[in-house]
Amino acid sequence: MKVTIRFFASMQDAAGVPMLKVDVREGATTSDVLEEVYRQFPQLEKYRTSCRSALNQDYLTEVVPVSDGDELALIPPTSGG
């Protein structure tokens, strides 16, 4: 299965790409996808506990299964004034 990952703001800068597609096994969850992202982009590890995730434009509050063609957006915390 392929899942599209979209990076935003400082996570996009750190990853060096706005998006990528990852292959995951059948039955994979959002947690499995995130582990693959952090494996491929260890520089994003610092965002692990603070970024928000949205699956197909719905914010996640728990681990859920992913399907082929899903889009997982990784959104870092924002600040400013």
PDB file of N, CA and C in Angstrom:
ATOM      1  N   MET A   1       0.842  -1.178   0.000  1.00  0.00           N
ATOM      2  CA  MET A   1       0.000   0.000   0.000  1.00  0.00           C
ATOM      3  C   MET A   1       0.883   1.235   0.000  1.00  0.00           C
ATOM      4  N   LYS A   2       0.402   2.272  -0.631  1.00  0.00           N
ATOM      5  CA  LYS A   2       1.124   3.540  -0.632  1.00  0.00           C
ATOM      6  C   LYS A   2       0.316   4.582   0.131  1.00  0.00           C
ATOM      7  N   VAL A   3       1.022   5.318   0.994  1.00  0.00           N
ATOM      8  CA  VAL A   3       0.439   6.420   1.750  1.00  0.00           C
ATOM      9  C   VAL A   3       1.261   7.662   1.438  1.00  0.00           C
ATOM     10  N   THR A   4       0.587   8.763   1.153  1.00  0.00           N
ATOM     11  CA  THR A   4       1.265  10.029   0.888  1.00  0.00           C
ATOM     12  C   THR A   4       1.460  10.771   2.200  1.00  0.00           C
ATOM     13  N   ILE A   5       2.677  11.242   2.428  1.00  0.00           N
ATOM     14  CA  ILE A   5       3.001  12.046   3.602  1.00  0.00           C
ATOM     15  C   ILE A   5       3.193  13.476   3.133  1.00  0.00           C
ATOM     16  N   ARG A   6       2.540  14.418   3.794  1.00  0.00           N
ATOM     17  CA  ARG A   6       2.726  15.841   3.492  1.00  0.00           C
ATOM     18  C   ARG A   6       3.341  16.519   4.711  1.00  0.00           C
ATOM     19  N   PHE A   7       4.400  17.264   4.449  1.00  0.00           N
ATOM     20  CA  PHE A   7       5.086  18.016   5.499  1.00  0.00           C
ATOM     21  C   PHE A   7       4.720  19.488   5.377  1.00  0.00           C
ATOM     22  N   PHE A   8       4.641  20.173   6.501  1.00  0.00           N
ATOM     23  CA  PHE A   8       4.323  21.595   6.509  1.00  0.00           C
ATOM     24  C   PHE A   8       5.337  22.369   7.340  1.00  0.00           C
ATOM     25  N   ALA A   9       5.496  23.645   6.974  1.00  0.00           N
ATOM     26  CA  ALA A   9       6.297  24.621   7.723  1.00  0.00           C
ATOM     27  C   ALA A   9       7.699  24.088   8.013  1.00  0.00           C
ATOM     28  N   SER A  10       8.118  24.148   9.270  1.00  0.00           N
ATOM     29  CA  SER A  10       9.491  23.772   9.626  1.00  0.00           C
ATOM     30  C   SER A  10       9.776  22.291   9.382  1.00  0.00           C
ATOM     31  N   MET A  11       8.760  21.450   9.423  1.00  0.00           N
ATOM     32  CA  MET A  11       8.987  20.030   9.120  1.00  0.00           C
ATOM     33  C   MET A  11       9.318  19.849   7.645  1.00  0.00           C
ATOM     34  N   GLN A  12       8.691  20.632   6.781  1.00  0.00           N
ATOM     35  CA  GLN A  12       9.008  20.582   5.352  1.00  0.00           C
ATOM     36  C   GLN A  12      10.434  21.056   5.121  1.00  0.00           C
ATOM     37  N   ASP A  13      10.824  22.120   5.817  1.00  0.00           N
ATOM     38  CA  ASP A  13      12.198  22.618   5.692  1.00  0.00           C
ATOM     39  C   ASP A  13      13.202  21.556   6.135  1.00  0.00           C
ATOM     40  N   ALA A  14      12.921  20.909   7.260  1.00  0.00           N
ATOM     41  CA  ALA A  14      13.842  19.905   7.797  1.00  0.00           C
ATOM     42  C   ALA A  14      13.908  18.664   6.906  1.00  0.00           C
ATOM     43  N   ALA A  15      12.773  18.259   6.355  1.00  0.00           N
ATOM     44  CA  ALA A  15      12.745  17.074   5.489  1.00  0.00           C
ATOM     45  C   ALA A  15      13.352  17.370   4.120  1.00  0.00           C
ATOM     46  N   GLY A  16      13.241  18.616   3.685  1.00  0.00           N
ATOM     47  CA  GLY A  16      13.771  18.988   2.377  1.00  0.00           C
ATOM     48  C   GLY A  16      12.849  18.652   1.218  1.00  0.00           C
ATOM     49  N   VAL A  17      11.660  18.161   1.531  1.00  0.00           N
ATOM     50  CA  VAL A  17      10.656  17.840   0.510  1.00  0.00           C
ATOM     51  C   VAL A  17       9.274  18.195   1.062  1.00  0.00           C
ATOM     52  N   PRO A  18       8.345  18.583   0.193  1.00  0.00           N
ATOM     53  CA  PRO A  18       7.001  18.887   0.678  1.00  0.00           C
ATOM     54  C   PRO A  18       6.142  17.644   0.908  1.00  0.00           C
ATOM     55  N   MET A  19       6.494  16.557   0.212  1.00  0.00           N
ATOM     56  CA  MET A  19       5.709  15.327   0.353  1.00  0.00           C
ATOM     57  C   MET A  19       6.515  14.131  -0.121  1.00  0.00           C
ATOM     58  N   LEU A  20       6.068  12.965   0.267  1.00  0.00           N
ATOM     59  CA  LEU A  20       6.635  11.730  -0.243  1.00  0.00           C
ATOM     60  C   LEU A  20       5.603  10.631  -0.132  1.00  0.00           C
ATOM     61  N   LYS A  21       5.830   9.565  -0.851  1.00  0.00           N
ATOM     62  CA  LYS A  21       4.965   8.388  -0.759  1.00  0.00           C
ATOM     63  C   LYS A  21       5.766   7.280  -0.103  1.00  0.00           C
ATOM     64  N   VAL A  22       5.145   6.617   0.870  1.00  0.00           N
ATOM     65  CA  VAL A  22       5.811   5.504   1.537  1.00  0.00           C
ATOM     66  C   VAL A  22       4.998   4.235   1.311  1.00  0.00           C
ATOM     67  N   ASP A  23       5.710   3.133   1.199  1.00  0.00           N
ATOM     68  CA  ASP A  23       5.074   1.826   1.105  1.00  0.00           C
ATOM     69  C   ASP A  23       4.917   1.272   2.508  1.00  0.00           C
ATOM     70  N   VAL A  24       3.722   0.823   2.822  1.00  0.00           N
ATOM     71  CA  VAL A  24       3.462   0.198   4.118  1.00  0.00           C
ATOM     72  C   VAL A  24       2.720  -1.110   3.879  1.00  0.00           C
ATOM     73  N   ARG A  25       2.821  -1.988   4.829  1.00  0.00           N
ATOM     74  CA  ARG A  25       2.191  -3.299   4.715  1.00  0.00           C
ATOM     75  C   ARG A  25       0.678  -3.196   4.909  1.00  0.00           C
ATOM     76  N   GLU A  26      -0.028  -4.143   4.391  1.00  0.00           N
ATOM     77  CA  GLU A  26      -1.470  -4.241   4.608  1.00  0.00           C
ATOM     78  C   GLU A  26      -1.726  -4.323   6.108  1.00  0.00           C
ATOM     79  N   GLY A  27      -2.697  -3.595   6.600  1.00  0.00           N
ATOM     80  CA  GLY A  27      -3.009  -3.597   8.023  1.00  0.00           C
ATOM     81  C   GLY A  27      -2.204  -2.601   8.836  1.00  0.00           C
ATOM     82  N   ALA A  28      -1.383  -1.786   8.169  1.00  0.00           N
ATOM     83  CA  ALA A  28      -0.562  -0.795   8.878  1.00  0.00           C
ATOM     84  C   ALA A  28      -1.452   0.279   9.501  1.00  0.00           C
ATOM     85  N   THR A  29      -0.917   0.907  10.540  1.00  0.00           N
ATOM     86  CA  THR A  29      -1.621   1.981  11.234  1.00  0.00           C
ATOM     87  C   THR A  29      -0.874   3.298  11.044  1.00  0.00           C
ATOM     88  N   THR A  30      -1.496   4.361  11.498  1.00  0.00           N
ATOM     89  CA  THR A  30      -0.829   5.664  11.432  1.00  0.00           C
ATOM     90  C   THR A  30       0.478   5.637  12.209  1.00  0.00           C
ATOM     91  N   SER A  31       0.535   4.905  13.285  1.00  0.00           N
ATOM     92  CA  SER A  31       1.769   4.780  14.062  1.00  0.00           C
ATOM     93  C   SER A  31       2.866   4.114  13.240  1.00  0.00           C
ATOM     94  N   ASP A  32       2.522   3.077  12.495  1.00  0.00           N
ATOM     95  CA  ASP A  32       3.499   2.401  11.631  1.00  0.00           C
ATOM     96  C   ASP A  32       4.036   3.356  10.567  1.00  0.00           C
ATOM     97  N   VAL A  33       3.150   4.159   9.982  1.00  0.00           N
ATOM     98  CA  VAL A  33       3.567   5.113   8.959  1.00  0.00           C
ATOM     99  C   VAL A  33       4.519   6.142   9.564  1.00  0.00           C
ATOM    100  N   LEU A  34       4.178   6.655  10.739  1.00  0.00           N
ATOM    101  CA  LEU A  34       5.045   7.640  11.392  1.00  0.00           C
ATOM    102  C   LEU A  34       6.412   7.052  11.705  1.00  0.00           C
ATOM    103  N   GLU A  35       6.459   5.811  12.145  1.00  0.00           N
ATOM    104  CA  GLU A  35       7.752   5.174  12.418  1.00  0.00           C
ATOM    105  C   GLU A  35       8.606   5.121  11.160  1.00  0.00           C
ATOM    106  N   GLU A  36       7.992   4.829  10.029  1.00  0.00           N
ATOM    107  CA  GLU A  36       8.725   4.790   8.765  1.00  0.00           C
ATOM    108  C   GLU A  36       9.230   6.184   8.389  1.00  0.00           C
ATOM    109  N   VAL A  37       8.412   7.198   8.607  1.00  0.00           N
ATOM    110  CA  VAL A  37       8.842   8.576   8.322  1.00  0.00           C
ATOM    111  C   VAL A  37      10.049   8.940   9.182  1.00  0.00           C
ATOM    112  N   TYR A  38       9.988   8.660  10.476  1.00  0.00           N
ATOM    113  CA  TYR A  38      11.104   9.000  11.366  1.00  0.00           C
ATOM    114  C   TYR A  38      12.342   8.157  11.065  1.00  0.00           C
ATOM    115  N   ARG A  39      12.156   6.960  10.537  1.00  0.00           N
ATOM    116  CA  ARG A  39      13.301   6.149  10.132  1.00  0.00           C
ATOM    117  C   ARG A  39      13.985   6.778   8.913  1.00  0.00           C
ATOM    118  N   GLN A  40      13.184   7.222   7.954  1.00  0.00           N
ATOM    119  CA  GLN A  40      13.742   7.822   6.743  1.00  0.00           C
ATOM    120  C   GLN A  40      14.271   9.239   6.961  1.00  0.00           C
ATOM    121  N   PHE A  41      13.692   9.945   7.924  1.00  0.00           N
ATOM    122  CA  PHE A  41      14.064  11.334   8.190  1.00  0.00           C
ATOM    123  C   PHE A  41      14.373  11.515   9.676  1.00  0.00           C
ATOM    124  N   PRO A  42      15.512  11.011  10.147  1.00  0.00           N
ATOM    125  CA  PRO A  42      15.820  11.111  11.577  1.00  0.00           C
ATOM    126  C   PRO A  42      15.873  12.556  12.073  1.00  0.00           C
ATOM    127  N   GLN A  43      16.102  13.512  11.176  1.00  0.00           N
ATOM    128  CA  GLN A  43      16.136  14.910  11.581  1.00  0.00           C
ATOM    129  C   GLN A  43      14.757  15.413  12.031  1.00  0.00           C
ATOM    130  N   LEU A  44      13.700  14.663  11.748  1.00  0.00           N
ATOM    131  CA  LEU A  44      12.355  15.051  12.177  1.00  0.00           C
ATOM    132  C   LEU A  44      12.008  14.526  13.564  1.00  0.00           C
ATOM    133  N   GLU A  45      12.875  13.731  14.124  1.00  0.00           N
ATOM    134  CA  GLU A  45      12.626  13.121  15.439  1.00  0.00           C
ATOM    135  C   GLU A  45      12.247  14.161  16.492  1.00  0.00           C
ATOM    136  N   LYS A  46      12.828  15.353  16.415  1.00  0.00           N
ATOM    137  CA  LYS A  46      12.549  16.382  17.427  1.00  0.00           C
ATOM    138  C   LYS A  46      11.083  16.822  17.414  1.00  0.00           C
ATOM    139  N   TYR A  47      10.355  16.515  16.343  1.00  0.00           N
ATOM    140  CA  TYR A  47       8.937  16.882  16.253  1.00  0.00           C
ATOM    141  C   TYR A  47       8.005  15.776  16.744  1.00  0.00           C
ATOM    142  N   ARG A  48       8.554  14.641  17.070  1.00  0.00           N
ATOM    143  CA  ARG A  48       7.740  13.456  17.381  1.00  0.00           C
ATOM    144  C   ARG A  48       6.653  13.737  18.417  1.00  0.00           C
ATOM    145  N   THR A  49       6.985  14.431  19.484  1.00  0.00           N
ATOM    146  CA  THR A  49       6.016  14.630  20.563  1.00  0.00           C
ATOM    147  C   THR A  49       5.176  15.893  20.412  1.00  0.00           C
ATOM    148  N   SER A  50       5.518  16.739  19.440  1.00  0.00           N
ATOM    149  CA  SER A  50       4.799  18.014  19.355  1.00  0.00           C
ATOM    150  C   SER A  50       3.997  18.215  18.071  1.00  0.00           C
ATOM    151  N   CYS A  51       4.233  17.414  17.046  1.00  0.00           N
ATOM    152  CA  CYS A  51       3.511  17.661  15.792  1.00  0.00           C
ATOM    153  C   CYS A  51       2.115  17.049  15.849  1.00  0.00           C
ATOM    154  N   ARG A  52       1.222  17.637  15.079  1.00  0.00           N
ATOM    155  CA  ARG A  52      -0.131  17.102  14.919  1.00  0.00           C
ATOM    156  C   ARG A  52      -0.173  16.307  13.627  1.00  0.00           C
ATOM    157  N   SER A  53      -1.017  15.320  13.607  1.00  0.00           N
ATOM    158  CA  SER A  53      -1.193  14.502  12.408  1.00  0.00           C
ATOM    159  C   SER A  53      -2.644  14.571  11.969  1.00  0.00           C
ATOM    160  N   ALA A  54      -2.836  14.594  10.659  1.00  0.00           N
ATOM    161  CA  ALA A  54      -4.187  14.565  10.100  1.00  0.00           C
ATOM    162  C   ALA A  54      -4.214  13.509   9.002  1.00  0.00           C
ATOM    163  N   LEU A  55      -5.178  12.625   9.079  1.00  0.00           N
ATOM    164  CA  LEU A  55      -5.345  11.585   8.065  1.00  0.00           C
ATOM    165  C   LEU A  55      -6.519  11.976   7.180  1.00  0.00           C
ATOM    166  N   ASN A  56      -6.222  12.199   5.901  1.00  0.00           N
ATOM    167  CA  ASN A  56      -7.260  12.611   4.949  1.00  0.00           C
ATOM    168  C   ASN A  56      -8.019  13.846   5.446  1.00  0.00           C
ATOM    169  N   GLN A  57      -7.266  14.802   5.974  1.00  0.00           N
ATOM    170  CA  GLN A  57      -7.737  16.106   6.435  1.00  0.00           C
ATOM    171  C   GLN A  57      -8.538  16.066   7.727  1.00  0.00           C
ATOM    172  N   ASP A  58      -8.487  14.962   8.462  1.00  0.00           N
ATOM    173  CA  ASP A  58      -9.114  14.872   9.781  1.00  0.00           C
ATOM    174  C   ASP A  58      -8.022  14.689  10.820  1.00  0.00           C
ATOM    175  N   TYR A  59      -7.984  15.609  11.807  1.00  0.00           N
ATOM    176  CA  TYR A  59      -6.975  15.497  12.851  1.00  0.00           C
ATOM    177  C   TYR A  59      -7.136  14.184  13.605  1.00  0.00           C
ATOM    178  N   LEU A  60      -6.003  13.596  13.944  1.00  0.00           N
ATOM    179  CA  LEU A  60      -6.002  12.322  14.663  1.00  0.00           C
ATOM    180  C   LEU A  60      -5.892  12.543  16.161  1.00  0.00           C
ATOM    181  N   THR A  61      -6.622  11.746  16.911  1.00  0.00           N
ATOM    182  CA  THR A  61      -6.489  11.733  18.363  1.00  0.00           C
ATOM    183  C   THR A  61      -6.105  10.346  18.855  1.00  0.00           C
ATOM    184  N   GLU A  62      -6.039   9.394  17.928  1.00  0.00           N
ATOM    185  CA  GLU A  62      -5.671   8.029  18.279  1.00  0.00           C
ATOM    186  C   GLU A  62      -5.039   7.354  17.065  1.00  0.00           C
ATOM    187  N   VAL A  63      -4.489   6.187  17.277  1.00  0.00           N
ATOM    188  CA  VAL A  63      -3.897   5.395  16.200  1.00  0.00           C
ATOM    189  C   VAL A  63      -5.030   4.711  15.439  1.00  0.00           C
ATOM    190  N   VAL A  64      -4.993   4.845  14.112  1.00  0.00           N
ATOM    191  CA  VAL A  64      -6.032   4.231  13.277  1.00  0.00           C
ATOM    192  C   VAL A  64      -5.380   3.521  12.095  1.00  0.00           C
ATOM    193  N   PRO A  65      -6.060   2.550  11.497  1.00  0.00           N
ATOM    194  CA  PRO A  65      -5.527   1.880  10.310  1.00  0.00           C
ATOM    195  C   PRO A  65      -5.471   2.844   9.126  1.00  0.00           C
ATOM    196  N   VAL A  66      -4.527   2.596   8.227  1.00  0.00           N
ATOM    197  CA  VAL A  66      -4.442   3.375   6.990  1.00  0.00           C
ATOM    198  C   VAL A  66      -4.818   2.482   5.818  1.00  0.00           C
ATOM    199  N   SER A  67      -5.231   3.128   4.743  1.00  0.00           N
ATOM    200  CA  SER A  67      -5.607   2.427   3.519  1.00  0.00           C
ATOM    201  C   SER A  67      -4.765   2.934   2.366  1.00  0.00           C
ATOM    202  N   ASP A  68      -4.686   2.142   1.333  1.00  0.00           N
ATOM    203  CA  ASP A  68      -3.959   2.540   0.139  1.00  0.00           C
ATOM    204  C   ASP A  68      -4.511   3.869  -0.376  1.00  0.00           C
ATOM    205  N   GLY A  69      -3.613   4.818  -0.656  1.00  0.00           N
ATOM    206  CA  GLY A  69      -4.019   6.115  -1.177  1.00  0.00           C
ATOM    207  C   GLY A  69      -4.303   7.164  -0.128  1.00  0.00           C
ATOM    208  N   ASP A  70      -4.239   6.800   1.153  1.00  0.00           N
ATOM    209  CA  ASP A  70      -4.466   7.784   2.213  1.00  0.00           C
ATOM    210  C   ASP A  70      -3.393   8.860   2.195  1.00  0.00           C
ATOM    211  N   GLU A  71      -3.722  10.014   2.797  1.00  0.00           N
ATOM    212  CA  GLU A  71      -2.776  11.109   2.942  1.00  0.00           C
ATOM    213  C   GLU A  71      -2.636  11.429   4.425  1.00  0.00           C
ATOM    214  N   LEU A  72      -1.397  11.405   4.906  1.00  0.00           N
ATOM    215  CA  LEU A  72      -1.102  11.734   6.293  1.00  0.00           C
ATOM    216  C   LEU A  72      -0.316  13.038   6.307  1.00  0.00           C
ATOM    217  N   ALA A  73      -0.895  14.070   6.906  1.00  0.00           N
ATOM    218  CA  ALA A  73      -0.239  15.373   6.999  1.00  0.00           C
ATOM    219  C   ALA A  73       0.415  15.501   8.366  1.00  0.00           C
ATOM    220  N   LEU A  74       1.649  15.999   8.376  1.00  0.00           N
ATOM    221  CA  LEU A  74       2.388  16.220   9.618  1.00  0.00           C
ATOM    222  C   LEU A  74       2.557  17.719   9.799  1.00  0.00           C
ATOM    223  N   ILE A  75       1.990  18.230  10.876  1.00  0.00           N
ATOM    224  CA  ILE A  75       1.911  19.669  11.093  1.00  0.00           C
ATOM    225  C   ILE A  75       2.630  20.020  12.390  1.00  0.00           C
ATOM    226  N   PRO A  76       3.728  20.769  12.297  1.00  0.00           N
ATOM    227  CA  PRO A  76       4.467  21.133  13.501  1.00  0.00           C
ATOM    228  C   PRO A  76       3.713  22.200  14.291  1.00  0.00           C
ATOM    229  N   PRO A  77       4.097  22.396  15.551  1.00  0.00           N
ATOM    230  CA  PRO A  77       3.454  23.451  16.337  1.00  0.00           C
ATOM    231  C   PRO A  77       3.757  24.815  15.723  1.00  0.00           C
ATOM    232  N   THR A  78       2.828  25.733  15.888  1.00  0.00           N
ATOM    233  CA  THR A  78       3.036  27.085  15.382  1.00  0.00           C
ATOM    234  C   THR A  78       3.263  28.034  16.546  1.00  0.00           C
ATOM    235  N   SER A  79       3.938  29.109  16.249  1.00  0.00           N
ATOM    236  CA  SER A  79       4.149  30.139  17.266  1.00  0.00           C
ATOM    237  C   SER A  79       4.206  31.475  16.562  1.00  0.00           C
ATOM    238  N   GLY A  80       4.173  32.479  17.316  1.00  0.00           N
ATOM    239  CA  GLY A  80       4.226  33.810  16.730  1.00  0.00           C
ATOM    240  C   GLY A  80       3.311  34.744  17.483  1.00  0.00           C
ATOM    241  N   GLY A  81       3.168  35.887  16.951  1.00  0.00           N
ATOM    242  CA  GLY A  81       2.327  36.834  17.659  1.00  0.00           C
ATOM    243  C   GLY A  81       1.786  37.874  16.742  1.00  0.00           C
TER     244      GLY A  81
END
